[in-house]
């Protein structure tokens, strides 16, 4: 269906890099080194929706990254009625960023599908993640060499779904919208953002959320072979 495309733009977190698994391992580690006694599963159940809500505010430029990093932890501990000092929350926030890329689980099929696509297309990354963290993820997970360009929101000054980040990514890749395909998990940021800019998009719907029927989707990364 998309074999005529020349450039494939991937989201990183929740698309290639298994954010939920790696994040859980990171919290387990930083709680241990900081002697935080909290049930990890209980913490994550509360933290994950809070984190998503703060990321939405961050995408909408309603908060900055420092506020995001602190408030998502503060609100979670408050919801759990766990008393953690401001100093320790800031330390946990810093430790989380420092240690997140030490864990590098990719989604099943990620390497196989990149090996399949690499000889046929120019591959690129567009991410809303923080530059210093995302570069570490790409390098330490062993997939950086697949991608010709990496566009992150900090270098552009805006985040997906803002059209400016797609414009910047295409310019950097020397690509035209009609020759490009966006692949990501987030309906608002990745899929609708790309479509609004004139780029076809394919949703990696591993979380099996309800999405519009007009949106092409896959549940497993290896399904990309059927489209490309």
N, C-alpha and C. Protein backbone atom coordinates (compact mmCIF):
# COMPACT_ATOMS: atom_id res chain seq x y z
N UNK A 1 0.82 -1.21 0.00
CA UNK A 1 0.00 0.00 0.00
C UNK A 1 0.86 1.26 0.00
N UNK A 2 1.97 1.21 0.75
CA UNK A 2 2.83 2.39 0.85
C UNK A 2 4.20 2.15 0.22
N UNK A 3 4.27 1.17 -0.69
CA UNK A 3 5.56 0.81 -1.27
C UNK A 3 6.19 1.95 -2.06
N UNK A 4 5.37 2.91 -2.50
CA UNK A 4 5.89 4.03 -3.28
C UNK A 4 6.58 5.08 -2.40
N UNK A 5 6.46 4.96 -1.09
CA UNK A 5 7.07 5.93 -0.20
C UNK A 5 8.60 5.82 -0.25
N UNK A 6 9.25 6.93 0.03
CA UNK A 6 10.71 6.96 0.05
C UNK A 6 11.28 7.19 1.46
N UNK A 7 10.50 7.86 2.29
CA UNK A 7 10.96 8.24 3.63
C UNK A 7 9.97 7.76 4.69
N UNK A 8 10.47 7.05 5.68
CA UNK A 8 9.64 6.59 6.79
C UNK A 8 10.09 7.30 8.07
N UNK A 9 9.15 7.96 8.72
CA UNK A 9 9.43 8.69 9.95
C UNK A 9 8.81 7.94 11.13
N UNK A 10 9.64 7.51 12.05
CA UNK A 10 9.19 6.76 13.22
C UNK A 10 9.18 7.64 14.46
N UNK A 11 8.15 7.46 15.27
CA UNK A 11 8.22 7.90 16.66
C UNK A 11 9.16 6.93 17.38
N UNK A 12 9.69 7.33 18.53
CA UNK A 12 10.62 6.44 19.25
C UNK A 12 9.95 5.77 20.45
N UNK A 13 9.55 6.54 21.45
CA UNK A 13 8.94 5.95 22.64
C UNK A 13 7.57 5.37 22.32
N UNK A 14 7.31 4.18 22.83
CA UNK A 14 6.04 3.48 22.63
C UNK A 14 5.85 3.00 21.19
N UNK A 15 6.87 3.15 20.35
CA UNK A 15 6.76 2.68 18.97
C UNK A 15 7.88 1.70 18.65
N UNK A 16 9.10 2.09 18.84
CA UNK A 16 10.24 1.19 18.70
C UNK A 16 10.79 0.81 20.08
N UNK A 17 10.97 1.82 20.91
CA UNK A 17 11.56 1.65 22.25
C UNK A 17 10.44 1.41 23.25
N UNK A 18 10.50 0.27 23.95
CA UNK A 18 9.42 -0.12 24.86
C UNK A 18 9.48 0.71 26.14
N UNK A 19 8.87 1.86 26.07
CA UNK A 19 8.96 2.83 27.16
C UNK A 19 8.43 2.29 28.47
N UNK A 20 7.28 1.64 28.44
CA UNK A 20 6.66 1.19 29.69
C UNK A 20 7.55 0.19 30.43
N UNK A 21 8.11 -0.76 29.70
CA UNK A 21 8.97 -1.76 30.32
C UNK A 21 10.25 -1.12 30.86
N UNK A 22 10.89 -0.29 30.04
CA UNK A 22 12.14 0.34 30.46
C UNK A 22 11.93 1.33 31.61
N UNK A 23 10.82 2.03 31.57
CA UNK A 23 10.51 2.98 32.64
C UNK A 23 10.30 2.26 33.96
N UNK A 24 9.58 1.14 33.93
CA UNK A 24 9.35 0.37 35.15
C UNK A 24 10.66 -0.12 35.76
N UNK A 25 11.56 -0.60 34.92
CA UNK A 25 12.86 -1.07 35.40
C UNK A 25 13.68 0.08 35.99
N UNK A 26 13.55 1.25 35.38
CA UNK A 26 14.26 2.42 35.89
C UNK A 26 13.75 2.82 37.27
N UNK A 27 12.44 2.86 37.42
CA UNK A 27 11.89 3.19 38.74
C UNK A 27 12.30 2.17 39.79
N UNK A 28 12.29 0.90 39.41
CA UNK A 28 12.72 -0.13 40.36
C UNK A 28 14.14 0.14 40.84
N UNK A 29 15.01 0.53 39.91
CA UNK A 29 16.41 0.79 40.24
C UNK A 29 16.57 2.05 41.09
N UNK A 30 15.94 3.14 40.69
CA UNK A 30 16.16 4.40 41.43
C UNK A 30 15.48 4.38 42.80
N UNK A 31 14.40 3.62 42.94
CA UNK A 31 13.81 3.47 44.27
C UNK A 31 14.78 2.71 45.19
N UNK A 32 15.45 1.72 44.61
CA UNK A 32 16.40 0.93 45.40
C UNK A 32 17.58 1.78 45.86
N UNK A 33 18.18 2.55 44.95
CA UNK A 33 19.38 3.31 45.31
C UNK A 33 19.07 4.50 46.20
N UNK A 34 17.78 4.91 46.21
CA UNK A 34 17.38 6.02 47.07
C UNK A 34 16.60 5.56 48.31
N UNK A 35 16.53 4.23 48.49
CA UNK A 35 15.86 3.64 49.66
C UNK A 35 14.42 4.11 49.80
N UNK A 36 13.71 4.13 48.66
CA UNK A 36 12.29 4.48 48.65
C UNK A 36 11.48 3.20 48.79
N UNK A 37 10.70 3.09 49.84
CA UNK A 37 9.91 1.89 50.07
C UNK A 37 8.48 2.12 49.59
N UNK A 38 8.23 1.66 48.38
CA UNK A 38 6.90 1.78 47.79
C UNK A 38 6.70 0.58 46.87
N UNK A 39 5.50 0.05 46.83
CA UNK A 39 5.22 -1.07 45.93
C UNK A 39 5.27 -0.58 44.49
N UNK A 40 6.13 -1.18 43.69
CA UNK A 40 6.36 -0.69 42.34
C UNK A 40 5.10 -0.75 41.49
N UNK A 41 4.38 -1.86 41.53
CA UNK A 41 3.18 -1.99 40.70
C UNK A 41 2.11 -0.98 41.09
N UNK A 42 1.95 -0.77 42.38
CA UNK A 42 0.98 0.23 42.85
C UNK A 42 1.39 1.62 42.39
N UNK A 43 2.68 1.91 42.52
CA UNK A 43 3.19 3.21 42.07
C UNK A 43 2.91 3.42 40.59
N UNK A 44 3.23 2.41 39.77
CA UNK A 44 3.08 2.56 38.32
C UNK A 44 1.63 2.72 37.90
N UNK A 45 0.72 2.03 38.59
CA UNK A 45 -0.70 2.16 38.27
C UNK A 45 -1.18 3.60 38.44
N UNK A 46 -0.66 4.26 39.45
CA UNK A 46 -1.04 5.66 39.70
C UNK A 46 -0.25 6.60 38.81
N UNK A 47 1.03 6.31 38.65
CA UNK A 47 1.94 7.20 37.91
C UNK A 47 1.61 7.29 36.42
N UNK A 48 1.29 6.16 35.80
CA UNK A 48 1.18 6.16 34.33
C UNK A 48 0.13 7.13 33.80
N UNK A 49 -1.10 7.14 34.31
CA UNK A 49 -2.06 8.13 33.81
C UNK A 49 -1.67 9.57 34.15
N UNK A 50 -1.05 9.77 35.31
CA UNK A 50 -0.58 11.12 35.67
C UNK A 50 0.50 11.57 34.70
N UNK A 51 1.42 10.68 34.38
CA UNK A 51 2.48 11.00 33.43
C UNK A 51 1.92 11.36 32.06
N UNK A 52 0.96 10.57 31.59
CA UNK A 52 0.35 10.86 30.29
C UNK A 52 -0.34 12.22 30.28
N UNK A 53 -1.00 12.55 31.37
CA UNK A 53 -1.69 13.84 31.46
C UNK A 53 -0.69 15.00 31.42
N UNK A 54 0.43 14.84 32.11
CA UNK A 54 1.45 15.89 32.09
C UNK A 54 2.14 15.99 30.74
N UNK A 55 2.32 14.85 30.07
CA UNK A 55 2.91 14.91 28.73
C UNK A 55 1.98 15.64 27.75
N UNK A 56 0.67 15.47 27.93
CA UNK A 56 -0.28 16.21 27.08
C UNK A 56 -0.12 17.71 27.31
N UNK A 57 0.01 18.12 28.56
CA UNK A 57 0.23 19.53 28.87
C UNK A 57 1.55 20.02 28.27
N UNK A 58 2.56 19.16 28.31
CA UNK A 58 3.86 19.52 27.75
C UNK A 58 3.77 19.68 26.24
N UNK A 59 3.07 18.77 25.55
CA UNK A 59 2.88 18.89 24.10
C UNK A 59 2.18 20.19 23.75
N UNK A 60 1.26 20.60 24.62
CA UNK A 60 0.47 21.80 24.36
C UNK A 60 1.18 23.07 24.84
N UNK A 61 2.44 22.93 25.26
CA UNK A 61 3.25 24.07 25.74
C UNK A 61 2.65 24.77 26.95
N UNK A 62 1.92 24.03 27.76
CA UNK A 62 1.33 24.60 28.97
C UNK A 62 2.24 24.46 30.18
N UNK A 63 3.22 23.56 30.08
CA UNK A 63 4.24 23.40 31.13
C UNK A 63 5.58 23.16 30.45
N UNK A 64 6.68 23.42 31.18
CA UNK A 64 8.00 23.12 30.63
C UNK A 64 8.47 21.76 31.14
N UNK A 65 9.63 21.33 30.65
CA UNK A 65 10.06 19.97 30.98
C UNK A 65 10.42 19.82 32.45
N UNK A 66 10.92 20.88 33.08
CA UNK A 66 11.24 20.78 34.50
C UNK A 66 9.98 20.56 35.34
N UNK A 67 8.92 21.28 34.98
CA UNK A 67 7.64 21.10 35.67
C UNK A 67 7.11 19.68 35.45
N UNK A 68 7.21 19.20 34.23
CA UNK A 68 6.77 17.84 33.91
C UNK A 68 7.50 16.82 34.77
N UNK A 69 8.81 16.93 34.81
CA UNK A 69 9.62 15.93 35.52
C UNK A 69 9.33 15.90 37.02
N UNK A 70 9.10 17.07 37.60
CA UNK A 70 8.85 17.13 39.04
C UNK A 70 7.40 16.78 39.38
N UNK A 71 6.46 17.40 38.69
CA UNK A 71 5.05 17.31 39.10
C UNK A 71 4.49 15.90 38.94
N UNK A 72 4.94 15.17 37.93
CA UNK A 72 4.40 13.82 37.74
C UNK A 72 4.76 12.91 38.92
N UNK A 73 5.93 13.13 39.51
CA UNK A 73 6.32 12.35 40.69
C UNK A 73 5.63 12.87 41.95
N UNK A 74 5.60 14.18 42.11
CA UNK A 74 4.96 14.77 43.29
C UNK A 74 3.50 14.36 43.37
N UNK A 75 2.77 14.45 42.26
CA UNK A 75 1.35 14.10 42.26
C UNK A 75 1.15 12.62 42.56
N UNK A 76 2.04 11.78 42.05
CA UNK A 76 1.91 10.34 42.29
C UNK A 76 2.11 10.00 43.76
N UNK A 77 3.17 10.52 44.35
CA UNK A 77 3.40 10.25 45.77
C UNK A 77 2.29 10.84 46.64
N UNK A 78 1.78 12.00 46.27
CA UNK A 78 0.65 12.58 47.01
C UNK A 78 -0.57 11.67 46.94
N UNK A 79 -0.84 11.14 45.74
CA UNK A 79 -2.00 10.26 45.56
C UNK A 79 -1.85 8.97 46.36
N UNK A 80 -0.61 8.55 46.58
CA UNK A 80 -0.34 7.34 47.34
C UNK A 80 -0.19 7.61 48.84
N UNK A 81 -0.37 8.88 49.23
CA UNK A 81 -0.19 9.28 50.63
C UNK A 81 1.18 8.89 51.16
N UNK A 82 2.17 9.05 50.30
CA UNK A 82 3.55 8.73 50.66
C UNK A 82 4.34 10.02 50.80
N UNK A 83 4.89 10.25 51.97
CA UNK A 83 5.60 11.49 52.24
C UNK A 83 7.04 11.41 51.72
N UNK A 84 7.32 12.19 50.68
CA UNK A 84 8.65 12.27 50.10
C UNK A 84 9.05 13.74 50.05
N UNK A 85 10.22 14.07 50.52
CA UNK A 85 10.64 15.47 50.55
C UNK A 85 10.84 16.02 49.15
N UNK A 86 10.73 17.33 49.05
CA UNK A 86 10.96 17.99 47.76
C UNK A 86 12.35 17.68 47.22
N UNK A 87 13.34 17.68 48.10
CA UNK A 87 14.71 17.39 47.68
C UNK A 87 14.82 16.00 47.07
N UNK A 88 14.18 15.02 47.69
CA UNK A 88 14.25 13.65 47.18
C UNK A 88 13.48 13.52 45.87
N UNK A 89 12.36 14.22 45.75
CA UNK A 89 11.61 14.16 44.49
C UNK A 89 12.46 14.71 43.35
N UNK A 90 13.15 15.81 43.59
CA UNK A 90 14.04 16.35 42.56
C UNK A 90 15.17 15.38 42.24
N UNK A 91 15.69 14.71 43.27
CA UNK A 91 16.75 13.73 43.02
C UNK A 91 16.23 12.55 42.22
N UNK A 92 15.04 12.06 42.56
CA UNK A 92 14.43 10.97 41.80
C UNK A 92 14.21 11.38 40.35
N UNK A 93 13.76 12.62 40.18
CA UNK A 93 13.53 13.14 38.83
C UNK A 93 14.82 13.12 38.02
N UNK A 94 15.90 13.58 38.62
CA UNK A 94 17.20 13.58 37.93
C UNK A 94 17.70 12.16 37.70
N UNK A 95 17.59 11.31 38.72
CA UNK A 95 18.05 9.93 38.59
C UNK A 95 17.29 9.19 37.49
N UNK A 96 16.01 9.47 37.38
CA UNK A 96 15.19 8.82 36.35
C UNK A 96 15.73 9.14 34.97
N UNK A 97 16.03 10.40 34.70
CA UNK A 97 16.56 10.80 33.40
C UNK A 97 17.94 10.21 33.17
N UNK A 98 18.76 10.20 34.21
CA UNK A 98 20.12 9.68 34.09
C UNK A 98 20.13 8.19 33.76
N UNK A 99 19.24 7.44 34.41
CA UNK A 99 19.31 5.97 34.32
C UNK A 99 18.33 5.36 33.32
N UNK A 100 17.42 6.16 32.75
CA UNK A 100 16.39 5.59 31.88
C UNK A 100 16.98 4.82 30.70
N UNK A 101 18.04 5.36 30.10
CA UNK A 101 18.58 4.71 28.90
C UNK A 101 19.51 3.54 29.21
N UNK A 102 19.66 3.18 30.49
CA UNK A 102 20.44 1.98 30.82
C UNK A 102 19.64 0.72 30.48
N UNK A 103 18.33 0.87 30.36
CA UNK A 103 17.46 -0.25 29.98
C UNK A 103 16.99 -0.01 28.55
N UNK A 104 17.13 -1.01 27.71
CA UNK A 104 16.93 -0.76 26.28
C UNK A 104 16.12 -1.85 25.60
N UNK A 105 15.02 -2.20 26.22
CA UNK A 105 14.13 -3.17 25.61
C UNK A 105 13.38 -2.50 24.45
N UNK A 106 13.40 -3.15 23.31
CA UNK A 106 12.64 -2.70 22.15
C UNK A 106 11.38 -3.55 22.02
N UNK A 107 10.41 -3.06 21.27
CA UNK A 107 9.23 -3.86 21.01
C UNK A 107 9.61 -5.07 20.17
N UNK A 108 8.87 -6.16 20.35
CA UNK A 108 9.11 -7.37 19.56
C UNK A 108 9.07 -7.04 18.07
N UNK A 109 10.07 -7.51 17.37
CA UNK A 109 10.10 -7.32 15.92
C UNK A 109 10.76 -6.04 15.47
N UNK A 110 11.18 -5.19 16.41
CA UNK A 110 11.75 -3.88 16.02
C UNK A 110 13.00 -4.05 15.16
N UNK A 111 13.96 -4.84 15.61
CA UNK A 111 15.19 -5.02 14.84
C UNK A 111 14.91 -5.69 13.51
N UNK A 112 14.07 -6.71 13.52
CA UNK A 112 13.75 -7.43 12.28
C UNK A 112 13.10 -6.52 11.25
N UNK A 113 12.19 -5.67 11.70
CA UNK A 113 11.50 -4.80 10.74
C UNK A 113 12.42 -3.68 10.27
N UNK A 114 13.30 -3.19 11.13
CA UNK A 114 14.27 -2.18 10.70
C UNK A 114 15.25 -2.77 9.70
N UNK A 115 15.68 -4.00 9.93
CA UNK A 115 16.55 -4.68 8.97
C UNK A 115 15.86 -4.83 7.61
N UNK A 116 14.56 -5.10 7.64
CA UNK A 116 13.78 -5.25 6.41
C UNK A 116 13.62 -3.92 5.68
N UNK A 117 13.36 -2.85 6.42
CA UNK A 117 13.07 -1.55 5.81
C UNK A 117 14.32 -0.79 5.40
N UNK A 118 15.40 -0.97 6.12
CA UNK A 118 16.62 -0.17 5.94
C UNK A 118 17.15 -0.16 4.51
N UNK A 119 17.19 -1.29 3.79
CA UNK A 119 17.69 -1.25 2.41
C UNK A 119 16.73 -0.61 1.42
N UNK A 120 15.47 -0.45 1.81
CA UNK A 120 14.43 -0.04 0.86
C UNK A 120 14.00 1.42 1.01
N UNK A 121 14.17 1.98 2.21
CA UNK A 121 13.67 3.32 2.50
C UNK A 121 14.70 4.12 3.29
N UNK A 122 14.54 5.44 3.27
CA UNK A 122 15.30 6.30 4.18
C UNK A 122 14.51 6.39 5.48
N UNK A 123 15.15 6.06 6.58
CA UNK A 123 14.47 6.00 7.87
C UNK A 123 14.86 7.20 8.74
N UNK A 124 13.88 7.70 9.49
CA UNK A 124 14.07 8.90 10.30
C UNK A 124 13.30 8.77 11.62
N UNK A 125 13.66 9.59 12.58
CA UNK A 125 12.97 9.65 13.87
C UNK A 125 12.42 11.06 14.08
N UNK A 126 11.16 11.13 14.56
CA UNK A 126 10.60 12.39 15.06
C UNK A 126 10.10 12.11 16.47
N UNK A 127 10.65 12.80 17.46
CA UNK A 127 10.31 12.50 18.85
C UNK A 127 10.07 13.77 19.66
N UNK A 128 9.12 13.67 20.58
CA UNK A 128 8.88 14.75 21.53
C UNK A 128 9.73 14.61 22.78
N UNK A 129 10.50 13.55 22.85
CA UNK A 129 11.31 13.31 24.04
C UNK A 129 12.46 14.29 24.16
N UNK A 130 13.10 14.27 25.32
CA UNK A 130 14.21 15.18 25.58
C UNK A 130 15.46 14.71 24.84
N UNK A 131 16.18 15.66 24.25
CA UNK A 131 17.31 15.35 23.38
C UNK A 131 18.33 14.43 24.03
N UNK A 132 18.76 14.79 25.24
CA UNK A 132 19.84 14.02 25.86
C UNK A 132 19.41 12.59 26.17
N UNK A 133 18.12 12.40 26.45
CA UNK A 133 17.62 11.07 26.77
C UNK A 133 17.41 10.25 25.50
N UNK A 134 16.82 10.87 24.48
CA UNK A 134 16.50 10.13 23.26
C UNK A 134 17.76 9.67 22.53
N UNK A 135 18.78 10.50 22.49
CA UNK A 135 20.02 10.09 21.84
C UNK A 135 20.63 8.89 22.55
N UNK A 136 20.55 8.89 23.88
CA UNK A 136 21.05 7.75 24.64
C UNK A 136 20.28 6.48 24.34
N UNK A 137 18.97 6.60 24.22
CA UNK A 137 18.15 5.43 23.90
C UNK A 137 18.53 4.84 22.55
N UNK A 138 18.67 5.69 21.55
CA UNK A 138 19.00 5.23 20.20
C UNK A 138 20.36 4.54 20.17
N UNK A 139 21.33 5.14 20.82
CA UNK A 139 22.68 4.59 20.80
C UNK A 139 22.79 3.31 21.62
N UNK A 140 22.27 3.33 22.82
CA UNK A 140 22.44 2.18 23.71
C UNK A 140 21.57 0.99 23.31
N UNK A 141 20.49 1.24 22.59
CA UNK A 141 19.65 0.13 22.12
C UNK A 141 20.15 -0.44 20.80
N UNK A 142 21.17 0.21 20.22
CA UNK A 142 21.79 -0.31 19.01
C UNK A 142 21.02 -0.05 17.73
N UNK A 143 20.16 0.97 17.71
CA UNK A 143 19.39 1.22 16.49
C UNK A 143 19.70 2.57 15.85
N UNK A 144 20.61 3.34 16.42
CA UNK A 144 20.89 4.68 15.90
C UNK A 144 21.33 4.65 14.44
N UNK A 145 22.07 3.61 14.05
CA UNK A 145 22.64 3.56 12.70
C UNK A 145 21.59 3.38 11.61
N UNK A 146 20.39 2.99 11.97
CA UNK A 146 19.34 2.81 10.97
C UNK A 146 18.81 4.15 10.45
N UNK A 147 18.98 5.21 11.21
CA UNK A 147 18.26 6.45 10.94
C UNK A 147 19.17 7.54 10.38
N UNK A 148 18.74 8.12 9.27
CA UNK A 148 19.50 9.18 8.62
C UNK A 148 19.39 10.50 9.38
N UNK A 149 18.22 10.77 9.92
CA UNK A 149 18.01 12.01 10.67
C UNK A 149 17.20 11.73 11.93
N UNK A 150 17.42 12.55 12.94
CA UNK A 150 16.64 12.50 14.18
C UNK A 150 16.18 13.92 14.48
N UNK A 151 14.88 14.11 14.53
CA UNK A 151 14.30 15.41 14.87
C UNK A 151 13.66 15.31 16.24
N UNK A 152 14.10 16.13 17.18
CA UNK A 152 13.45 16.15 18.49
C UNK A 152 12.85 17.53 18.74
N UNK A 153 11.88 17.56 19.62
CA UNK A 153 11.11 18.78 19.84
C UNK A 153 11.95 19.91 20.39
N UNK A 154 13.01 19.59 21.13
CA UNK A 154 13.83 20.65 21.71
C UNK A 154 14.63 21.40 20.65
N UNK A 155 15.02 20.74 19.59
CA UNK A 155 15.78 21.43 18.55
C UNK A 155 14.88 22.33 17.70
N UNK A 156 13.59 22.01 17.64
CA UNK A 156 12.66 22.78 16.82
C UNK A 156 11.95 23.85 17.66
N UNK A 157 11.77 23.57 18.93
CA UNK A 157 11.07 24.52 19.80
C UNK A 157 9.58 24.28 19.90
N UNK A 158 9.09 23.25 19.21
CA UNK A 158 7.68 22.86 19.29
C UNK A 158 7.62 21.34 19.32
N UNK A 159 6.44 20.82 19.63
CA UNK A 159 6.27 19.38 19.76
C UNK A 159 5.19 18.89 18.81
N UNK A 160 5.26 17.61 18.44
CA UNK A 160 4.15 17.01 17.73
C UNK A 160 2.89 17.18 18.58
N UNK A 161 1.76 17.57 18.02
CA UNK A 161 1.41 17.59 16.60
C UNK A 161 1.62 18.92 15.88
N UNK A 162 2.38 19.84 16.45
CA UNK A 162 2.61 21.12 15.79
C UNK A 162 3.22 20.90 14.40
N UNK A 163 2.65 21.50 13.37
CA UNK A 163 3.16 21.27 12.01
C UNK A 163 4.61 21.68 11.81
N UNK A 164 5.12 22.58 12.66
CA UNK A 164 6.50 23.04 12.48
C UNK A 164 7.51 21.92 12.67
N UNK A 165 7.20 20.95 13.54
CA UNK A 165 8.16 19.88 13.75
C UNK A 165 8.19 18.93 12.55
N UNK A 166 7.03 18.73 11.92
CA UNK A 166 7.00 17.90 10.71
C UNK A 166 7.70 18.61 9.56
N UNK A 167 7.49 19.92 9.46
CA UNK A 167 8.16 20.70 8.42
C UNK A 167 9.68 20.62 8.59
N UNK A 168 10.14 20.75 9.83
CA UNK A 168 11.58 20.69 10.11
C UNK A 168 12.12 19.30 9.76
N UNK A 169 11.39 18.26 10.15
CA UNK A 169 11.85 16.89 9.90
C UNK A 169 11.97 16.61 8.41
N UNK A 170 10.97 17.05 7.64
CA UNK A 170 11.02 16.82 6.20
C UNK A 170 12.14 17.61 5.55
N UNK A 171 12.34 18.84 6.00
CA UNK A 171 13.43 19.65 5.45
C UNK A 171 14.78 19.01 5.74
N UNK A 172 14.95 18.53 6.96
CA UNK A 172 16.21 17.89 7.34
C UNK A 172 16.45 16.62 6.53
N UNK A 173 15.36 15.90 6.23
CA UNK A 173 15.47 14.65 5.48
C UNK A 173 15.47 14.87 3.96
N UNK A 174 15.22 16.11 3.54
CA UNK A 174 15.07 16.42 2.11
C UNK A 174 13.97 15.56 1.50
N UNK A 175 12.84 15.53 2.19
CA UNK A 175 11.71 14.68 1.80
C UNK A 175 10.49 15.53 1.50
N UNK A 176 9.64 15.02 0.63
CA UNK A 176 8.35 15.64 0.33
C UNK A 176 7.25 14.91 1.10
N UNK A 177 6.19 15.62 1.48
CA UNK A 177 5.11 14.97 2.23
C UNK A 177 4.54 13.75 1.52
N UNK A 178 4.35 13.86 0.20
CA UNK A 178 3.74 12.75 -0.53
C UNK A 178 4.64 11.53 -0.64
N UNK A 179 5.92 11.71 -0.37
CA UNK A 179 6.87 10.59 -0.41
C UNK A 179 7.15 10.03 0.99
N UNK A 180 6.40 10.52 1.98
CA UNK A 180 6.72 10.21 3.38
C UNK A 180 5.57 9.49 4.08
N UNK A 181 5.93 8.72 5.10
CA UNK A 181 4.96 8.02 5.94
C UNK A 181 5.39 8.15 7.39
N UNK A 182 4.46 8.52 8.26
CA UNK A 182 4.72 8.61 9.70
C UNK A 182 4.19 7.37 10.38
N UNK A 183 4.99 6.79 11.27
CA UNK A 183 4.60 5.59 12.01
C UNK A 183 4.76 5.89 13.49
N UNK A 184 3.67 5.81 14.24
CA UNK A 184 3.74 6.12 15.67
C UNK A 184 2.54 5.58 16.40
N UNK A 185 2.57 5.70 17.73
CA UNK A 185 1.50 5.12 18.55
C UNK A 185 0.46 6.15 18.98
N UNK A 186 0.82 7.41 19.01
CA UNK A 186 -0.06 8.43 19.59
C UNK A 186 -0.96 9.02 18.52
N UNK A 187 -2.26 8.83 18.69
CA UNK A 187 -3.22 9.26 17.67
C UNK A 187 -3.15 10.76 17.45
N UNK A 188 -3.10 11.53 18.52
CA UNK A 188 -3.09 12.99 18.40
C UNK A 188 -1.76 13.51 17.86
N UNK A 189 -0.67 13.12 18.52
CA UNK A 189 0.64 13.71 18.20
C UNK A 189 1.22 13.17 16.91
N UNK A 190 1.24 11.85 16.76
CA UNK A 190 1.90 11.23 15.61
C UNK A 190 1.00 11.17 14.37
N UNK A 191 -0.18 10.62 14.56
CA UNK A 191 -1.02 10.27 13.42
C UNK A 191 -1.76 11.49 12.87
N UNK A 192 -2.58 12.12 13.69
CA UNK A 192 -3.34 13.27 13.21
C UNK A 192 -2.42 14.45 12.92
N UNK A 193 -1.34 14.58 13.69
CA UNK A 193 -0.37 15.64 13.41
C UNK A 193 0.23 15.50 12.03
N UNK A 194 0.61 14.28 11.67
CA UNK A 194 1.18 14.03 10.35
C UNK A 194 0.15 14.23 9.24
N UNK A 195 -1.03 13.68 9.45
CA UNK A 195 -2.08 13.78 8.43
C UNK A 195 -2.44 15.24 8.17
N UNK A 196 -2.55 16.02 9.22
CA UNK A 196 -2.87 17.44 9.06
C UNK A 196 -1.80 18.18 8.26
N UNK A 197 -0.57 17.66 8.29
CA UNK A 197 0.52 18.28 7.53
C UNK A 197 0.62 17.72 6.11
N UNK A 198 -0.22 16.74 5.79
CA UNK A 198 -0.20 16.17 4.45
C UNK A 198 0.64 14.93 4.30
N UNK A 199 1.02 14.33 5.44
CA UNK A 199 1.81 13.10 5.44
C UNK A 199 0.90 11.92 5.79
N UNK A 200 0.96 10.85 5.01
CA UNK A 200 0.23 9.64 5.37
C UNK A 200 0.78 9.09 6.68
N UNK A 201 -0.08 8.39 7.43
CA UNK A 201 0.35 7.90 8.74
C UNK A 201 -0.22 6.51 9.01
N UNK A 202 0.55 5.74 9.76
CA UNK A 202 0.17 4.38 10.15
C UNK A 202 0.32 4.27 11.66
N UNK A 203 -0.74 3.87 12.33
CA UNK A 203 -0.76 3.84 13.79
C UNK A 203 -0.30 2.49 14.32
N UNK A 204 0.71 2.51 15.18
CA UNK A 204 1.13 1.30 15.90
C UNK A 204 0.25 1.21 17.15
N UNK A 205 -0.85 0.50 17.02
CA UNK A 205 -1.87 0.47 18.06
C UNK A 205 -1.68 -0.75 18.96
N UNK A 206 -0.49 -0.84 19.56
CA UNK A 206 -0.20 -1.99 20.42
C UNK A 206 -1.08 -1.99 21.67
N UNK A 207 -1.54 -0.81 22.07
CA UNK A 207 -2.39 -0.70 23.26
C UNK A 207 -3.85 -0.98 22.94
N UNK A 208 -4.12 -1.24 21.64
CA UNK A 208 -5.46 -1.64 21.18
C UNK A 208 -6.55 -0.66 21.61
N UNK A 209 -6.28 0.62 21.42
CA UNK A 209 -7.27 1.64 21.69
C UNK A 209 -8.21 1.78 20.50
N UNK A 210 -9.36 2.34 20.73
CA UNK A 210 -10.31 2.59 19.64
C UNK A 210 -9.83 3.80 18.85
N UNK A 211 -9.61 3.59 17.56
CA UNK A 211 -9.16 4.69 16.69
C UNK A 211 -10.11 4.78 15.50
N UNK A 212 -10.16 5.92 14.82
CA UNK A 212 -11.05 6.06 13.66
C UNK A 212 -10.77 5.00 12.60
N UNK A 213 -11.83 4.49 11.99
CA UNK A 213 -11.69 3.43 10.99
C UNK A 213 -10.85 3.87 9.80
N UNK A 214 -10.83 5.16 9.53
CA UNK A 214 -10.07 5.66 8.38
C UNK A 214 -8.57 5.58 8.60
N UNK A 215 -8.14 5.37 9.84
CA UNK A 215 -6.72 5.32 10.16
C UNK A 215 -6.20 3.89 10.01
N UNK A 216 -5.20 3.70 9.18
CA UNK A 216 -4.57 2.39 9.06
C UNK A 216 -3.79 2.10 10.34
N UNK A 217 -3.87 0.84 10.81
CA UNK A 217 -3.17 0.52 12.06
C UNK A 217 -2.61 -0.89 12.03
N UNK A 218 -1.63 -1.11 12.91
CA UNK A 218 -1.04 -2.43 13.11
C UNK A 218 -0.95 -2.68 14.61
N UNK A 219 -0.93 -3.96 14.99
CA UNK A 219 -0.77 -4.33 16.40
C UNK A 219 0.65 -4.78 16.71
N UNK A 220 1.35 -5.26 15.68
CA UNK A 220 2.72 -5.76 15.81
C UNK A 220 3.60 -5.07 14.78
N UNK A 221 4.83 -4.76 15.14
CA UNK A 221 5.71 -4.05 14.21
C UNK A 221 5.98 -4.83 12.94
N UNK A 222 6.04 -6.15 13.03
CA UNK A 222 6.32 -6.95 11.84
C UNK A 222 5.21 -6.85 10.80
N UNK A 223 4.03 -6.39 11.21
CA UNK A 223 2.95 -6.18 10.25
C UNK A 223 3.29 -5.09 9.24
N UNK A 224 4.28 -4.27 9.54
CA UNK A 224 4.70 -3.23 8.58
C UNK A 224 5.10 -3.84 7.24
N UNK A 225 5.56 -5.08 7.26
CA UNK A 225 5.97 -5.73 6.01
C UNK A 225 4.80 -5.86 5.04
N UNK A 226 3.58 -5.93 5.56
CA UNK A 226 2.41 -6.05 4.69
C UNK A 226 2.08 -4.73 3.98
N UNK A 227 2.54 -3.63 4.55
CA UNK A 227 2.26 -2.31 3.99
C UNK A 227 3.43 -1.75 3.19
N UNK A 228 4.62 -2.24 3.49
CA UNK A 228 5.83 -1.67 2.89
C UNK A 228 6.62 -2.78 2.20
